[in-house]
Amino acid sequence: MPQAEVTKKSELENLLEKHTSGEKLTPYEYKRAHKLIGTPEYSAEICGFCRGPDKKLAIYDTGLCQEHATYALVRGK
């Protein structure tokens, strides 16, 4: 029987999920998330929230571009 592929989430994805679920990030985690957003690894995906012709590449496995990842971190949404 074939097993389902398990994908490991990036550190940034884990931090954003924790923050947007209402759990408070520690000061270290918050700074780490900002650092990861500031020095991203781009994926082949397009940001799921960008509209119009200026769609940007997503970073890590978040499905968000740098701008929308920063918004999620700052606003917690």
Protein backbone atom coordinates (compact mmCIF):
# COMPACT_ATOMS: atom_id res chain seq x y z
CA MET A 1 0.00 0.00 0.00
CA PRO A 2 1.50 3.38 -1.01
CA GLN A 3 2.06 5.83 1.78
CA ALA A 4 1.00 9.45 1.59
CA GLU A 5 3.89 11.83 1.11
CA VAL A 6 4.61 13.83 4.23
CA THR A 7 5.83 17.33 3.53
CA LYS A 8 7.75 19.22 6.15
CA LYS A 9 6.59 22.79 6.72
CA SER A 10 9.10 25.59 6.66
CA GLU A 11 10.03 27.40 9.84
CA LEU A 12 8.26 30.52 8.56
CA GLU A 13 5.07 28.59 7.79
CA ASN A 14 5.05 27.19 11.33
CA LEU A 15 5.60 30.63 12.87
CA LEU A 16 2.86 32.26 10.77
CA GLU A 17 0.41 29.46 11.59
CA LYS A 18 1.15 29.82 15.28
CA HIS A 19 0.72 33.60 15.14
CA THR A 20 -2.47 33.63 13.06
CA SER A 21 -4.08 30.99 15.28
CA GLY A 22 -4.03 33.49 18.14
CA GLU A 23 -1.03 32.06 19.93
CA LYS A 24 1.48 34.76 20.84
CA LEU A 25 4.99 34.54 19.40
CA THR A 26 7.95 35.06 21.70
CA PRO A 27 10.12 38.10 20.90
CA TYR A 28 12.74 35.71 19.46
CA GLU A 29 10.15 33.98 17.23
CA TYR A 30 8.80 37.34 16.02
CA LYS A 31 12.29 38.58 15.10
CA ARG A 32 13.11 35.24 13.48
CA ALA A 33 9.97 35.44 11.33
CA HIS A 34 10.90 38.97 10.22
CA LYS A 35 14.40 37.76 9.34
CA LEU A 36 13.04 34.84 7.30
CA ILE A 37 10.67 37.16 5.43
CA GLY A 38 13.51 39.62 4.79
CA THR A 39 15.81 36.96 3.33
CA PRO A 40 13.37 34.64 1.56
CA GLU A 41 13.67 31.52 -0.50
CA TYR A 42 11.23 31.89 -3.38
CA SER A 43 9.00 29.04 -4.47
CA ALA A 44 7.59 28.41 -7.93
CA GLU A 45 4.11 29.37 -6.69
CA ILE A 46 2.43 32.73 -7.13
CA CYS A 47 1.12 34.49 -4.02
CA GLY A 48 -2.49 33.50 -3.42
CA PHE A 49 -3.45 37.03 -2.31
CA CYS A 50 -1.81 39.19 -5.02
CA ARG A 51 -4.27 40.62 -7.53
CA GLY A 52 -3.86 42.14 -10.96
CA PRO A 53 -0.86 41.97 -13.27
CA ASP A 54 1.76 42.49 -10.54
CA LYS A 55 1.49 39.05 -8.93
CA LYS A 56 4.58 38.11 -6.96
CA LEU A 57 6.27 34.81 -6.21
CA ALA A 58 5.47 33.16 -2.90
CA ILE A 59 8.21 32.61 -0.33
CA TYR A 60 9.05 29.28 1.27
CA ASP A 61 5.90 27.12 1.39
CA THR A 62 3.62 29.84 2.73
CA GLY A 63 1.72 30.64 -0.48
CA LEU A 64 2.37 34.32 0.36
CA CYS A 65 4.71 36.91 -1.14
CA GLN A 66 6.98 38.97 1.13
CA GLU A 67 4.42 41.75 1.42
CA HIS A 68 1.52 39.48 2.38
CA ALA A 69 3.70 37.40 4.73
CA THR A 70 4.71 40.61 6.52
CA TYR A 71 1.05 41.64 6.73
CA ALA A 72 0.13 38.24 8.23
CA LEU A 73 2.91 38.57 10.78
CA VAL A 74 2.11 42.14 11.80
CA ARG A 75 -1.68 41.83 11.78
CA GLY A 76 -1.93 38.22 12.93
CA LYS A 77 -4.41 37.42 10.14
